[in-house]
Amino acid sequence: MCNDAVLTASQVSRCNARQLSLLDVFEEGMASFPSVAFAHINSKEDFIQIGVTNIFEMHNPLTMEEYYVAVNRAFHRYNKQPNWVTYLVDGVTHTFLDGRWFFTTDAAGPCDDTTSAQPS
């Protein structure tokens, strides 16, 4: 992973020194491309992400509460970038863009009876 195919020279150096995180890579990407919009759609309790994390952290498994705190810490960091936005969903869903309901979802939630989010 520590190569210049996807990382800058500075990132490769920090990666080789084990001083680079994925958060750093995303944050630096946002800063390097200020005219590009970056966004995350994430659930508060993504059970798949928690499970994958726990595979690598078997000695210290992550709880749903700890995951939520970690996501908020990362998003707090990203929020310093003016070209980044997030939509944090209540639930355990892992992916959002592949569901047919994605195109009719709005901030009012599932109990909303308006048609404002219907595709045209």
Protein backbone atom coordinates (compact mmCIF):
# COMPACT_ATOMS: atom_id res chain seq x y z
CA MET A 1 0.00 0.00 0.00
CA CYS A 2 2.88 2.38 0.69
CA ASN A 3 3.55 3.29 -2.93
CA ASP A 4 3.14 6.28 -5.19
CA ALA A 5 0.39 4.72 -7.29
CA VAL A 6 -2.19 6.20 -4.92
CA LEU A 7 -0.18 8.20 -2.38
CA THR A 8 1.83 11.40 -2.59
CA ALA A 9 5.57 11.28 -1.88
CA SER A 10 4.96 12.72 1.59
CA GLN A 11 2.26 10.12 2.27
CA VAL A 12 4.52 7.27 1.08
CA SER A 13 7.21 8.43 3.50
CA ARG A 14 4.75 8.65 6.41
CA CYS A 15 3.19 5.31 5.41
CA ASN A 16 6.57 3.59 5.47
CA ALA A 17 7.16 5.11 8.92
CA ARG A 18 3.71 3.83 10.01
CA GLN A 19 2.56 7.40 10.62
CA LEU A 20 -0.19 7.66 8.00
CA SER A 21 -3.85 6.81 8.46
CA LEU A 22 -6.65 6.47 5.96
CA LEU A 23 -8.17 9.55 7.61
CA ASP A 24 -5.02 11.47 6.64
CA VAL A 25 -5.30 10.34 3.02
CA PHE A 26 -8.95 11.40 2.73
CA GLU A 27 -8.39 14.69 4.52
CA GLU A 28 -5.40 15.58 2.36
CA GLY A 29 -7.36 14.64 -0.75
CA MET A 30 -10.15 17.04 0.22
CA ALA A 31 -7.63 19.81 0.90
CA SER A 32 -5.84 19.17 -2.40
CA PHE A 33 -9.05 19.39 -4.45
CA PRO A 34 -11.08 22.22 -2.89
CA SER A 35 -13.42 22.54 -5.87
CA VAL A 36 -14.47 18.87 -5.64
CA ALA A 37 -17.32 17.90 -3.31
CA PHE A 38 -16.68 14.98 -0.96
CA ALA A 39 -19.48 13.24 0.93
CA HIS A 40 -20.13 10.32 3.26
CA ILE A 41 -23.39 8.51 3.81
CA ASN A 42 -22.93 6.35 6.86
CA SER A 43 -25.02 4.63 9.49
CA LYS A 44 -24.52 5.16 13.19
CA GLU A 45 -24.14 1.42 13.80
CA ASP A 46 -22.78 -0.09 10.55
CA PHE A 47 -22.70 -3.76 11.56
CA ILE A 48 -20.54 -4.81 8.60
CA GLN A 49 -17.90 -2.17 9.27
CA ILE A 50 -17.90 -3.07 12.97
CA GLY A 51 -17.49 -6.76 12.06
CA VAL A 52 -14.60 -6.11 9.66
CA THR A 53 -12.89 -3.91 12.23
CA ASN A 54 -13.32 -6.61 14.86
CA ILE A 55 -11.69 -9.20 12.60
CA PHE A 56 -8.50 -7.13 12.72
CA GLU A 57 -8.92 -6.03 16.34
CA MET A 58 -9.86 -9.39 17.88
CA HIS A 59 -8.06 -8.55 21.13
CA ASN A 60 -10.13 -5.38 21.57
CA PRO A 61 -13.51 -5.73 19.78
CA LEU A 62 -15.37 -2.57 18.87
CA THR A 63 -18.89 -2.05 20.23
CA MET A 64 -21.61 -0.18 18.34
CA GLU A 65 -21.23 2.74 20.74
CA GLU A 66 -17.47 2.88 20.20
CA TYR A 67 -17.99 2.76 16.44
CA TYR A 68 -20.39 5.71 16.64
CA VAL A 69 -17.83 7.69 18.64
CA ALA A 70 -15.04 6.82 16.17
CA VAL A 71 -17.19 7.85 13.18
CA ASN A 72 -18.01 11.16 14.83
CA ARG A 73 -14.34 11.82 15.59
CA ALA A 74 -13.44 11.21 11.95
CA PHE A 75 -16.33 13.35 10.72
CA HIS A 76 -15.40 16.14 13.14
CA ARG A 77 -11.96 16.13 11.55
CA TYR A 78 -13.35 16.10 8.00
CA ASN A 79 -15.85 18.85 8.85
CA LYS A 80 -12.98 21.35 8.82
CA GLN A 81 -12.95 20.96 5.04
CA PRO A 82 -15.45 23.28 3.32
CA ASN A 83 -15.96 20.80 0.46
CA TRP A 84 -17.09 17.88 2.67
CA VAL A 85 -20.60 16.94 3.82
CA THR A 86 -22.11 13.96 5.57
CA TYR A 87 -25.46 12.33 6.14
CA LEU A 88 -25.40 10.13 9.23
CA VAL A 89 -28.27 7.62 9.25
CA ASP A 90 -29.81 6.07 12.35
CA GLY A 91 -29.49 2.30 11.94
CA VAL A 92 -27.14 -0.56 11.03
CA THR A 93 -27.18 -0.40 7.22
CA HIS A 94 -23.81 -0.87 5.52
CA THR A 95 -24.49 0.45 2.01
CA PHE A 96 -26.99 2.99 0.79
CA LEU A 97 -26.40 3.70 -2.88
CA ASP A 98 -27.44 0.25 -4.10
CA GLY A 99 -31.00 0.28 -2.71
CA ARG A 100 -33.91 1.32 -4.93
CA TRP A 101 -35.20 3.41 -2.02
CA PHE A 102 -32.12 5.63 -2.28
CA PHE A 103 -33.75 7.71 -5.01
CA THR A 104 -36.87 8.51 -2.97
CA THR A 105 -35.30 9.15 0.43
CA ASP A 106 -35.44 12.54 2.10
CA ALA A 107 -34.62 13.99 5.52
CA ALA A 108 -38.25 13.65 6.67
CA GLY A 109 -37.79 9.90 7.10
CA PRO A 110 -40.01 6.86 6.51
CA CYS A 111 -43.11 8.36 8.15
CA ASP A 112 -43.26 11.28 5.72
CA ASP A 113 -46.31 11.05 3.46
CA THR A 114 -45.28 13.76 0.99
CA THR A 115 -44.09 13.05 -2.51
CA SER A 116 -41.32 15.64 -2.48
CA ALA A 117 -38.63 13.02 -2.92
CA GLN A 118 -40.22 11.13 -5.80
CA PRO A 119 -37.98 10.78 -8.85
CA SER A 120 -39.00 12.82 -11.85
